Amino acid sequence: MERVRVNIVVGLFMVLGIVALGYLSIQLGRVSFLGGRGYVVLVDFPSVGGLKAGSTVEIAGVEIGRVDSIGLDNYQARVKLRVQEGVKLQEDSIASIKTKGLIGEKYVRISPGGSDKIIPPGGKIREVEAPVDFEELLSKYIFGKV
């Protein structure tokens, strides 16, 4: 009888551990089910330079969304951003791809504009800044073409 009770306690402990591990994996991986919250904004970059789906979108250093997907449209990289509901982006906002820290994690920085017009859900940010290609700069410097 004592052995059955120990087996039940160990089994419950294992189930709780697996559930906790699954919860932490979803929260730390920032996985969103059923499309996530927020609205979609599109941006076309000449190059994404290492940006990945799931990267952060920031204004003034504050995370306001995530990169939903990256695809190719008319020989440009089309980036789909999912922005939080409460954040309104002006029509003349500028999107740029920046590098965070020494490791080189890429993120999208949005510089707000001064327009009164707001980008609607599914709208597009028209002003972009291409990412700096450090490999190209380094090769120009090494070979004396700077």
N, C-alpha and C. Protein backbone atom coordinates (compact mmCIF):
# COMPACT_ATOMS: atom_id res chain seq x y z
N MET A 1 0.82 -1.20 0.00
CA MET A 1 0.00 0.00 0.00
C MET A 1 0.86 1.26 0.00
N GLU A 2 1.93 1.20 0.81
CA GLU A 2 2.85 2.34 0.87
C GLU A 2 3.52 2.58 -0.48
N ARG A 3 3.86 1.51 -1.18
CA ARG A 3 4.52 1.62 -2.48
C ARG A 3 3.59 2.26 -3.51
N VAL A 4 2.31 1.95 -3.48
CA VAL A 4 1.34 2.55 -4.40
C VAL A 4 1.23 4.05 -4.15
N ARG A 5 1.22 4.44 -2.90
CA ARG A 5 1.12 5.85 -2.55
C ARG A 5 2.36 6.61 -3.05
N VAL A 6 3.54 6.04 -2.89
CA VAL A 6 4.77 6.66 -3.37
C VAL A 6 4.73 6.79 -4.89
N ASN A 7 4.26 5.77 -5.58
CA ASN A 7 4.17 5.81 -7.05
C ASN A 7 3.21 6.90 -7.51
N ILE A 8 2.11 7.08 -6.82
CA ILE A 8 1.13 8.12 -7.18
C ILE A 8 1.73 9.51 -6.96
N VAL A 9 2.42 9.71 -5.85
CA VAL A 9 3.04 11.01 -5.56
C VAL A 9 4.12 11.32 -6.60
N VAL A 10 4.93 10.34 -6.94
CA VAL A 10 5.98 10.55 -7.94
C VAL A 10 5.35 10.84 -9.31
N GLY A 11 4.29 10.13 -9.65
CA GLY A 11 3.59 10.37 -10.91
C GLY A 11 3.01 11.77 -10.99
N LEU A 12 2.37 12.22 -9.90
CA LEU A 12 1.82 13.59 -9.87
C LEU A 12 2.94 14.63 -9.98
N PHE A 13 4.04 14.37 -9.30
CA PHE A 13 5.18 15.29 -9.37
C PHE A 13 5.72 15.38 -10.80
N MET A 14 5.81 14.26 -11.48
CA MET A 14 6.29 14.25 -12.87
C MET A 14 5.33 15.00 -13.80
N VAL A 15 4.03 14.79 -13.63
CA VAL A 15 3.05 15.48 -14.47
C VAL A 15 3.12 16.99 -14.24
N LEU A 16 3.20 17.41 -12.98
CA LEU A 16 3.32 18.85 -12.69
C LEU A 16 4.61 19.42 -13.28
N GLY A 17 5.70 18.67 -13.20
CA GLY A 17 6.97 19.12 -13.78
C GLY A 17 6.89 19.29 -15.28
N ILE A 18 6.24 18.36 -15.97
CA ILE A 18 6.09 18.43 -17.42
C ILE A 18 5.21 19.61 -17.81
N VAL A 19 4.13 19.82 -17.07
CA VAL A 19 3.24 20.96 -17.35
C VAL A 19 3.98 22.28 -17.12
N ALA A 20 4.76 22.38 -16.04
CA ALA A 20 5.52 23.60 -15.76
C ALA A 20 6.57 23.83 -16.85
N LEU A 21 7.25 22.77 -17.29
CA LEU A 21 8.24 22.90 -18.35
C LEU A 21 7.61 23.36 -19.66
N GLY A 22 6.45 22.82 -20.00
CA GLY A 22 5.74 23.24 -21.20
C GLY A 22 5.32 24.71 -21.13
N TYR A 23 4.81 25.14 -19.98
CA TYR A 23 4.40 26.52 -19.78
C TYR A 23 5.60 27.47 -19.94
N LEU A 24 6.72 27.13 -19.30
CA LEU A 24 7.91 27.98 -19.41
C LEU A 24 8.44 28.02 -20.83
N SER A 25 8.39 26.90 -21.53
CA SER A 25 8.85 26.88 -22.92
C SER A 25 8.03 27.82 -23.78
N ILE A 26 6.73 27.82 -23.59
CA ILE A 26 5.85 28.69 -24.38
C ILE A 26 6.08 30.16 -24.00
N GLN A 27 6.20 30.45 -22.71
CA GLN A 27 6.38 31.83 -22.28
C GLN A 27 7.74 32.39 -22.68
N LEU A 28 8.80 31.61 -22.49
CA LEU A 28 10.13 32.10 -22.83
C LEU A 28 10.35 32.13 -24.34
N GLY A 29 9.71 31.22 -25.07
CA GLY A 29 9.83 31.22 -26.52
C GLY A 29 8.92 32.23 -27.17
N ARG A 30 8.07 32.86 -26.39
CA ARG A 30 7.12 33.87 -26.86
C ARG A 30 6.30 33.37 -28.04
N VAL A 31 5.80 32.15 -27.89
CA VAL A 31 4.96 31.56 -28.92
C VAL A 31 3.54 32.08 -28.71
N SER A 32 2.92 32.50 -29.78
CA SER A 32 1.54 32.97 -29.68
C SER A 32 0.64 32.04 -30.48
N PHE A 33 -0.45 31.65 -29.87
CA PHE A 33 -1.41 30.79 -30.53
C PHE A 33 -2.56 31.63 -31.08
N LEU A 34 -3.20 31.13 -32.12
CA LEU A 34 -4.37 31.79 -32.72
C LEU A 34 -4.03 33.18 -33.25
N GLY A 35 -2.83 33.35 -33.82
CA GLY A 35 -2.51 34.60 -34.49
C GLY A 35 -1.94 35.69 -33.62
N GLY A 36 -2.02 35.57 -32.33
CA GLY A 36 -1.46 36.59 -31.45
C GLY A 36 -2.34 37.82 -31.38
N ARG A 37 -1.90 38.77 -30.55
CA ARG A 37 -2.64 40.02 -30.38
C ARG A 37 -1.95 41.14 -31.13
N GLY A 38 -2.70 42.16 -31.44
CA GLY A 38 -2.14 43.30 -32.14
C GLY A 38 -2.58 43.33 -33.58
N TYR A 39 -2.03 44.27 -34.31
CA TYR A 39 -2.38 44.42 -35.73
C TYR A 39 -1.12 44.34 -36.58
N VAL A 40 -1.31 44.06 -37.85
CA VAL A 40 -0.19 43.83 -38.77
C VAL A 40 0.13 45.11 -39.54
N VAL A 41 1.43 45.39 -39.67
CA VAL A 41 1.94 46.48 -40.48
C VAL A 41 3.03 45.89 -41.37
N LEU A 42 3.05 46.27 -42.64
CA LEU A 42 4.04 45.76 -43.59
C LEU A 42 5.15 46.78 -43.83
N VAL A 43 6.37 46.27 -44.04
CA VAL A 43 7.52 47.11 -44.37
C VAL A 43 8.32 46.39 -45.44
N ASP A 44 8.75 47.11 -46.47
CA ASP A 44 9.60 46.55 -47.52
C ASP A 44 11.01 47.10 -47.38
N PHE A 45 11.98 46.20 -47.14
CA PHE A 45 13.38 46.58 -47.01
C PHE A 45 14.14 46.08 -48.23
N PRO A 46 15.20 46.77 -48.65
CA PRO A 46 16.04 46.24 -49.74
C PRO A 46 16.78 44.98 -49.31
N SER A 47 17.08 44.86 -48.02
CA SER A 47 17.74 43.69 -47.45
C SER A 47 17.40 43.63 -45.96
N VAL A 48 17.22 42.42 -45.43
CA VAL A 48 16.92 42.30 -44.01
C VAL A 48 18.17 42.09 -43.17
N GLY A 49 19.28 41.74 -43.79
CA GLY A 49 20.56 41.67 -43.10
C GLY A 49 20.59 40.85 -41.83
N GLY A 50 19.97 39.67 -41.80
CA GLY A 50 20.03 38.80 -40.63
C GLY A 50 18.84 38.90 -39.70
N LEU A 51 17.85 39.71 -40.03
CA LEU A 51 16.64 39.80 -39.22
C LEU A 51 15.87 38.49 -39.31
N LYS A 52 15.28 38.05 -38.21
CA LYS A 52 14.55 36.78 -38.17
C LYS A 52 13.12 37.00 -37.69
N ALA A 53 12.24 36.09 -38.08
CA ALA A 53 10.87 36.11 -37.55
C ALA A 53 10.95 35.91 -36.04
N GLY A 54 10.20 36.71 -35.30
CA GLY A 54 10.23 36.64 -33.85
C GLY A 54 11.08 37.74 -33.23
N SER A 55 11.85 38.47 -34.05
CA SER A 55 12.66 39.57 -33.53
C SER A 55 11.75 40.68 -33.00
N THR A 56 12.29 41.51 -32.14
CA THR A 56 11.48 42.55 -31.53
C THR A 56 11.33 43.77 -32.44
N VAL A 57 10.26 44.52 -32.18
CA VAL A 57 10.01 45.81 -32.82
C VAL A 57 9.97 46.82 -31.69
N GLU A 58 10.76 47.88 -31.79
CA GLU A 58 10.88 48.85 -30.70
C GLU A 58 10.69 50.28 -31.17
N ILE A 59 10.16 51.08 -30.25
CA ILE A 59 10.14 52.53 -30.39
C ILE A 59 10.77 53.08 -29.11
N ALA A 60 11.80 53.90 -29.24
CA ALA A 60 12.49 54.52 -28.11
C ALA A 60 12.97 53.47 -27.11
N GLY A 61 13.37 52.30 -27.59
CA GLY A 61 13.90 51.25 -26.72
C GLY A 61 12.84 50.41 -26.03
N VAL A 62 11.56 50.68 -26.30
CA VAL A 62 10.47 49.94 -25.68
C VAL A 62 9.89 48.98 -26.70
N GLU A 63 9.76 47.71 -26.31
CA GLU A 63 9.21 46.71 -27.22
C GLU A 63 7.72 46.96 -27.46
N ILE A 64 7.35 47.08 -28.74
CA ILE A 64 5.95 47.32 -29.08
C ILE A 64 5.38 46.22 -29.96
N GLY A 65 6.20 45.23 -30.30
CA GLY A 65 5.71 44.17 -31.16
C GLY A 65 6.80 43.20 -31.55
N ARG A 66 6.48 42.37 -32.53
CA ARG A 66 7.39 41.33 -33.01
C ARG A 66 7.32 41.24 -34.53
N VAL A 67 8.36 40.69 -35.11
CA VAL A 67 8.37 40.39 -36.54
C VAL A 67 7.59 39.11 -36.73
N ASP A 68 6.52 39.18 -37.50
CA ASP A 68 5.65 38.02 -37.73
C ASP A 68 6.24 37.09 -38.78
N SER A 69 6.61 37.65 -39.91
CA SER A 69 7.18 36.83 -40.99
C SER A 69 8.00 37.71 -41.92
N ILE A 70 8.86 37.03 -42.70
CA ILE A 70 9.69 37.71 -43.69
C ILE A 70 9.56 36.95 -45.00
N GLY A 71 9.25 37.68 -46.06
CA GLY A 71 9.10 37.06 -47.37
C GLY A 71 9.69 37.94 -48.45
N LEU A 72 9.54 37.50 -49.68
CA LEU A 72 10.07 38.24 -50.82
C LEU A 72 8.91 38.76 -51.67
N ASP A 73 8.94 40.05 -51.99
CA ASP A 73 7.91 40.66 -52.81
C ASP A 73 8.56 41.68 -53.72
N ASN A 74 8.48 41.43 -55.04
CA ASN A 74 9.03 42.36 -56.03
C ASN A 74 10.51 42.64 -55.77
N TYR A 75 11.28 41.59 -55.46
CA TYR A 75 12.72 41.66 -55.21
C TYR A 75 13.08 42.52 -54.00
N GLN A 76 12.16 42.65 -53.08
CA GLN A 76 12.41 43.34 -51.82
C GLN A 76 11.98 42.40 -50.70
N ALA A 77 12.59 42.56 -49.55
CA ALA A 77 12.22 41.76 -48.39
C ALA A 77 10.99 42.38 -47.74
N ARG A 78 9.87 41.67 -47.77
CA ARG A 78 8.64 42.16 -47.13
C ARG A 78 8.58 41.61 -45.73
N VAL A 79 8.59 42.52 -44.75
CA VAL A 79 8.57 42.15 -43.33
C VAL A 79 7.20 42.48 -42.78
N LYS A 80 6.59 41.48 -42.17
CA LYS A 80 5.28 41.67 -41.55
C LYS A 80 5.47 41.84 -40.05
N LEU A 81 5.11 43.01 -39.54
CA LEU A 81 5.25 43.31 -38.12
C LEU A 81 3.90 43.18 -37.43
N ARG A 82 3.90 42.60 -36.23
CA ARG A 82 2.68 42.56 -35.41
C ARG A 82 2.90 43.53 -34.25
N VAL A 83 2.13 44.63 -34.27
CA VAL A 83 2.28 45.73 -33.32
C VAL A 83 1.14 45.67 -32.30
N GLN A 84 1.44 46.00 -31.05
CA GLN A 84 0.44 46.00 -29.98
C GLN A 84 -0.70 46.94 -30.31
N GLU A 85 -1.89 46.57 -29.84
CA GLU A 85 -3.11 47.33 -30.15
C GLU A 85 -3.04 48.81 -29.74
N GLY A 86 -2.49 49.11 -28.59
CA GLY A 86 -2.51 50.48 -28.10
C GLY A 86 -1.53 51.42 -28.80
N VAL A 87 -0.65 50.89 -29.62
CA VAL A 87 0.38 51.71 -30.27
C VAL A 87 -0.11 52.14 -31.65
N LYS A 88 -0.11 53.43 -31.88
CA LYS A 88 -0.52 53.99 -33.17
C LYS A 88 0.70 54.54 -33.88
N LEU A 89 0.93 54.09 -35.10
CA LEU A 89 2.08 54.54 -35.87
C LEU A 89 1.66 55.61 -36.88
N GLN A 90 2.43 56.71 -36.93
CA GLN A 90 2.13 57.77 -37.89
C GLN A 90 2.53 57.32 -39.30
N GLU A 91 1.87 57.92 -40.28
CA GLU A 91 2.09 57.56 -41.67
C GLU A 91 3.54 57.81 -42.13
N ASP A 92 4.21 58.79 -41.53
CA ASP A 92 5.58 59.11 -41.94
C ASP A 92 6.64 58.53 -41.00
N SER A 93 6.30 57.45 -40.29
CA SER A 93 7.26 56.76 -39.43
C SER A 93 8.36 56.14 -40.29
N ILE A 94 9.53 55.98 -39.70
CA ILE A 94 10.67 55.39 -40.40
C ILE A 94 11.04 54.08 -39.71
N ALA A 95 11.12 53.01 -40.49
CA ALA A 95 11.52 51.70 -39.96
C ALA A 95 12.97 51.43 -40.36
N SER A 96 13.75 50.94 -39.41
CA SER A 96 15.15 50.60 -39.70
C SER A 96 15.52 49.33 -38.94
N ILE A 97 16.48 48.59 -39.50
CA ILE A 97 16.96 47.37 -38.86
C ILE A 97 18.25 47.71 -38.15
N LYS A 98 18.28 47.47 -36.86
CA LYS A 98 19.43 47.80 -36.03
C LYS A 98 19.97 46.55 -35.35
N THR A 99 21.17 46.67 -34.79
CA THR A 99 21.82 45.58 -34.09
C THR A 99 21.86 45.89 -32.60
N LYS A 100 21.53 44.89 -31.79
CA LYS A 100 21.50 45.05 -30.35
C LYS A 100 22.73 44.39 -29.74
N GLY A 101 23.49 45.14 -28.99
CA GLY A 101 24.61 44.58 -28.24
C GLY A 101 25.76 44.07 -29.10
N LEU A 102 26.67 43.36 -28.45
CA LEU A 102 27.85 42.84 -29.13
C LEU A 102 27.56 41.56 -29.90
N ILE A 103 26.54 40.84 -29.47
CA ILE A 103 26.22 39.56 -30.10
C ILE A 103 25.69 39.78 -31.50
N GLY A 104 24.98 40.85 -31.71
CA GLY A 104 24.49 41.16 -33.05
C GLY A 104 23.06 40.76 -33.30
N GLU A 105 22.23 40.66 -32.27
CA GLU A 105 20.82 40.35 -32.46
C GLU A 105 20.16 41.52 -33.19
N LYS A 106 19.45 41.22 -34.26
CA LYS A 106 18.81 42.25 -35.07
C LYS A 106 17.40 42.52 -34.55
N TYR A 107 16.96 43.77 -34.68
CA TYR A 107 15.61 44.16 -34.33
C TYR A 107 15.17 45.30 -35.24
N VAL A 108 13.88 45.58 -35.26
CA VAL A 108 13.34 46.67 -36.07
C VAL A 108 13.07 47.85 -35.14
N ARG A 109 13.68 48.99 -35.48
CA ARG A 109 13.43 50.21 -34.72
C ARG A 109 12.55 51.11 -35.56
N ILE A 110 11.52 51.62 -34.94
CA ILE A 110 10.62 52.55 -35.63
C ILE A 110 10.79 53.93 -35.01
N SER A 111 11.10 54.88 -35.87
CA SER A 111 11.19 56.28 -35.44
C SER A 111 9.88 56.95 -35.80
N PRO A 112 9.13 57.41 -34.80
CA PRO A 112 7.82 58.00 -35.09
C PRO A 112 7.94 59.28 -35.90
N GLY A 113 6.92 59.53 -36.69
CA GLY A 113 6.88 60.74 -37.51
C GLY A 113 6.05 61.81 -36.83
N GLY A 114 5.75 62.84 -37.57
CA GLY A 114 4.98 63.94 -37.04
C GLY A 114 3.62 64.11 -37.69
N SER A 115 3.24 63.16 -38.52
CA SER A 115 1.99 63.26 -39.26
C SER A 115 0.79 63.03 -38.36
N ASP A 116 -0.35 63.58 -38.76
CA ASP A 116 -1.59 63.34 -38.04
C ASP A 116 -2.27 62.06 -38.51
N LYS A 117 -1.88 61.58 -39.69
CA LYS A 117 -2.48 60.36 -40.23
C LYS A 117 -1.84 59.13 -39.59
N ILE A 118 -2.67 58.16 -39.26
CA ILE A 118 -2.23 56.93 -38.60
C ILE A 118 -2.27 55.79 -39.61
N ILE A 119 -1.28 54.88 -39.53
CA ILE A 119 -1.26 53.70 -40.41
C ILE A 119 -2.34 52.74 -39.94
N PRO A 120 -3.26 52.35 -40.83
CA PRO A 120 -4.33 51.42 -40.42
C PRO A 120 -3.78 49.99 -40.33
N PRO A 121 -4.52 49.09 -39.67
CA PRO A 121 -4.11 47.67 -39.65
C PRO A 121 -3.99 47.15 -41.08
N GLY A 122 -2.90 46.45 -41.36
CA GLY A 122 -2.64 45.97 -42.71
C GLY A 122 -1.98 47.00 -43.58
N GLY A 123 -1.71 48.20 -43.03
CA GLY A 123 -1.08 49.28 -43.78
C GLY A 123 0.42 49.05 -43.92
N LYS A 124 1.08 50.05 -44.47
CA LYS A 124 2.49 49.90 -44.81
C LYS A 124 3.30 51.11 -44.35
N ILE A 125 4.48 50.84 -43.78
CA ILE A 125 5.43 51.91 -43.48
C ILE A 125 6.26 52.11 -44.75
N ARG A 126 6.23 53.32 -45.28
CA ARG A 126 6.86 53.58 -46.58
C ARG A 126 8.33 54.01 -46.46
N GLU A 127 8.67 54.66 -45.36
CA GLU A 127 10.04 55.15 -45.18
C GLU A 127 10.87 54.09 -44.47
N VAL A 128 11.97 53.66 -45.09
CA VAL A 128 12.84 52.65 -44.48
C VAL A 128 14.29 53.09 -44.55
N GLU A 129 15.08 52.54 -43.64
CA GLU A 129 16.52 52.71 -43.62
C GLU A 129 17.12 51.33 -43.77
N ALA A 130 17.93 51.13 -44.79
CA ALA A 130 18.53 49.81 -45.01
C ALA A 130 19.53 49.51 -43.90
N PRO A 131 19.67 48.24 -43.53
CA PRO A 131 20.63 47.89 -42.48
C PRO A 131 22.06 48.07 -42.96
N VAL A 132 22.95 48.36 -42.04
CA VAL A 132 24.37 48.51 -42.36
C VAL A 132 24.97 47.12 -42.51
N ASP A 133 25.64 46.87 -43.62
CA ASP A 133 26.28 45.59 -43.87
C ASP A 133 27.73 45.68 -43.42
N PHE A 134 28.02 45.17 -42.22
CA PHE A 134 29.36 45.28 -41.65
C PHE A 134 30.40 44.51 -42.46
N GLU A 135 30.01 43.39 -43.04
CA GLU A 135 30.96 42.62 -43.84
C GLU A 135 31.42 43.43 -45.05
N GLU A 136 30.49 44.11 -45.70
CA GLU A 136 30.85 44.93 -46.86
C GLU A 136 31.73 46.10 -46.45
N LEU A 137 31.41 46.75 -45.33
CA LEU A 137 32.23 47.85 -44.84
C LEU A 137 33.64 47.37 -44.49
N LEU A 138 33.72 46.21 -43.84
CA LEU A 138 35.01 45.67 -43.46
C LEU A 138 35.85 45.32 -44.68
N SER A 139 35.23 44.72 -45.68
CA SER A 139 35.99 44.37 -46.88
C SER A 139 36.45 45.63 -47.62
N LYS A 140 35.64 46.68 -47.65
CA LYS A 140 36.08 47.93 -48.27
C LYS A 140 37.25 48.54 -47.51
N TYR A 141 37.19 48.45 -46.19
CA TYR A 141 38.27 49.01 -45.37
C TYR A 141 39.56 48.22 -45.57
N ILE A 142 39.46 46.89 -45.58
CA ILE A 142 40.64 46.04 -45.73
C ILE A 142 41.30 46.27 -47.08
N PHE A 143 40.50 46.36 -48.13
CA PHE A 143 41.05 46.49 -49.48
C PHE A 143 41.23 47.95 -49.90
N GLY A 144 41.08 48.89 -48.97
CA GLY A 144 41.40 50.28 -49.23
C GLY A 144 40.42 51.02 -50.13
N LYS A 145 39.15 50.64 -50.12
CA LYS A 145 38.18 51.33 -50.98
C LYS A 145 37.29 52.27 -50.18
N VAL A 146 37.71 52.64 -48.99
CA VAL A 146 36.90 53.53 -48.17
C VAL A 146 37.27 54.95 -48.43
